[in-house]
N, C-alpha and C. Protein backbone atom coordinates (compact mmCIF):
# COMPACT_ATOMS: atom_id res chain seq x y z
N UNK A 1 -19.23 10.51 2.23
CA UNK A 1 -17.81 10.13 2.01
C UNK A 1 -17.12 9.93 3.28
N UNK A 2 -17.41 10.66 4.38
CA UNK A 2 -16.82 10.51 5.60
C UNK A 2 -16.84 9.10 6.18
N UNK A 3 -18.11 8.50 5.92
CA UNK A 3 -18.32 7.09 6.47
C UNK A 3 -17.26 6.16 5.88
N UNK A 4 -16.88 6.24 4.53
CA UNK A 4 -15.96 5.41 3.93
C UNK A 4 -14.60 5.75 4.44
N UNK A 5 -14.24 6.96 4.62
CA UNK A 5 -12.93 7.35 5.12
C UNK A 5 -12.71 6.88 6.55
N UNK A 6 -13.81 6.93 7.31
CA UNK A 6 -13.68 6.49 8.71
C UNK A 6 -13.55 4.96 8.74
N UNK A 7 -14.10 4.21 7.80
CA UNK A 7 -14.06 2.82 7.75
C UNK A 7 -12.59 2.35 7.35
N UNK A 8 -12.03 3.19 6.44
CA UNK A 8 -10.69 2.81 5.98
C UNK A 8 -9.60 3.32 6.91
N UNK A 9 -9.87 4.09 7.90
CA UNK A 9 -8.88 4.59 8.85
C UNK A 9 -8.02 3.65 9.49
N UNK A 10 -8.56 2.43 9.98
CA UNK A 10 -7.69 1.58 10.67
C UNK A 10 -6.53 0.92 9.77
N UNK A 11 -6.83 0.94 8.46
CA UNK A 11 -5.93 0.30 7.49
C UNK A 11 -4.82 1.28 7.01
N UNK A 12 -5.09 2.57 7.33
CA UNK A 12 -4.04 3.59 6.90
C UNK A 12 -2.86 3.59 7.97
N UNK A 13 -1.96 2.73 7.71
CA UNK A 13 -0.80 2.51 8.64
C UNK A 13 0.30 3.55 8.56
N UNK A 14 0.78 3.94 7.30
CA UNK A 14 1.98 4.70 7.16
C UNK A 14 1.80 6.13 7.47
N UNK A 15 0.75 6.65 7.24
CA UNK A 15 0.52 8.12 7.46
C UNK A 15 0.45 8.47 8.97
N UNK A 16 0.09 7.44 9.79
CA UNK A 16 -0.02 7.61 11.16
C UNK A 16 1.26 7.40 11.98
N UNK A 17 2.32 6.86 11.34
CA UNK A 17 3.59 6.52 11.99
C UNK A 17 4.49 7.70 11.91
N UNK A 18 5.03 8.02 13.10
CA UNK A 18 5.91 9.24 13.10
C UNK A 18 7.29 8.90 12.57
N UNK A 19 7.66 7.64 12.37
CA UNK A 19 8.89 7.19 11.71
C UNK A 19 8.72 6.84 10.27
N UNK A 20 9.31 7.57 9.36
CA UNK A 20 9.11 7.32 7.98
C UNK A 20 10.09 6.05 7.59
N UNK A 21 9.43 4.98 6.95
CA UNK A 21 10.18 3.76 6.70
C UNK A 21 11.08 4.01 5.34
N UNK A 22 10.57 4.85 4.56
CA UNK A 22 11.41 5.09 3.29
C UNK A 22 11.03 4.11 2.27
N UNK A 23 11.26 4.46 1.04
CA UNK A 23 10.86 3.54 -0.15
C UNK A 23 11.66 2.31 -0.17
N UNK A 24 13.00 2.34 0.14
CA UNK A 24 13.75 1.19 0.06
C UNK A 24 13.37 0.08 0.88
N UNK A 25 12.93 0.43 2.09
CA UNK A 25 12.39 -0.60 3.04
C UNK A 25 11.09 -1.22 2.61
N UNK A 26 10.34 -0.40 2.01
CA UNK A 26 8.94 -0.86 1.62
C UNK A 26 8.92 -1.55 0.22
N UNK A 27 9.94 -1.31 -0.54
CA UNK A 27 9.98 -1.71 -1.91
C UNK A 27 9.82 -3.19 -2.12
N UNK A 28 10.53 -3.97 -1.36
CA UNK A 28 10.43 -5.43 -1.48
C UNK A 28 8.99 -5.98 -1.13
N UNK A 29 8.43 -5.42 -0.16
CA UNK A 29 7.12 -5.79 0.26
C UNK A 29 6.13 -5.51 -0.85
N UNK A 30 6.11 -4.29 -1.42
CA UNK A 30 5.24 -3.97 -2.47
C UNK A 30 5.51 -4.68 -3.77
N UNK A 31 6.76 -4.96 -4.03
CA UNK A 31 7.24 -5.65 -5.29
C UNK A 31 6.62 -6.99 -5.17
N UNK A 32 6.71 -7.66 -4.08
CA UNK A 32 6.13 -9.08 -3.88
C UNK A 32 4.65 -9.02 -4.06
N UNK A 33 3.95 -8.06 -3.58
CA UNK A 33 2.50 -7.87 -3.67
C UNK A 33 2.13 -7.80 -5.18
N UNK A 34 2.85 -6.90 -5.78
CA UNK A 34 2.52 -6.65 -7.30
C UNK A 34 2.72 -7.86 -8.09
N UNK A 35 3.81 -8.72 -7.80
CA UNK A 35 4.13 -9.89 -8.47
C UNK A 35 2.99 -11.02 -8.16
N UNK A 36 2.50 -10.94 -7.04
CA UNK A 36 1.54 -11.94 -6.60
C UNK A 36 0.03 -11.68 -7.22
N UNK A 37 -0.30 -10.42 -7.27
CA UNK A 37 -1.64 -10.00 -7.57
C UNK A 37 -1.84 -9.45 -8.90
N UNK A 38 -0.74 -8.97 -9.65
CA UNK A 38 -0.95 -8.38 -10.95
C UNK A 38 -0.22 -9.15 -11.99
N UNK A 39 -0.72 -9.21 -13.23
CA UNK A 39 -0.06 -9.98 -14.29
C UNK A 39 1.13 -9.27 -14.66
N UNK A 40 2.05 -10.01 -15.28
CA UNK A 40 3.33 -9.44 -15.75
C UNK A 40 3.14 -8.50 -16.88
N UNK A 41 2.07 -8.66 -17.72
CA UNK A 41 1.85 -7.75 -18.72
C UNK A 41 0.27 -7.32 -18.68
N UNK A 42 0.04 -6.16 -19.19
CA UNK A 42 -1.30 -5.67 -19.14
C UNK A 42 -1.76 -5.62 -20.58
N UNK A 43 -2.86 -6.11 -20.92
CA UNK A 43 -3.39 -6.07 -22.34
C UNK A 43 -4.18 -4.78 -22.45
N UNK A 44 -3.81 -3.96 -23.41
CA UNK A 44 -4.60 -2.76 -23.66
C UNK A 44 -5.58 -2.90 -24.77
């Protein structure tokens, strides 16, 4: 498992930053990603 964690390490940006960006600043970024890559409804 350590191999995969080590490979993912460069992409883990937010936990390494000493300044917390807060949810409100990140909300628009993630909202746009969700709208781009996920359907508006999920079929169960």
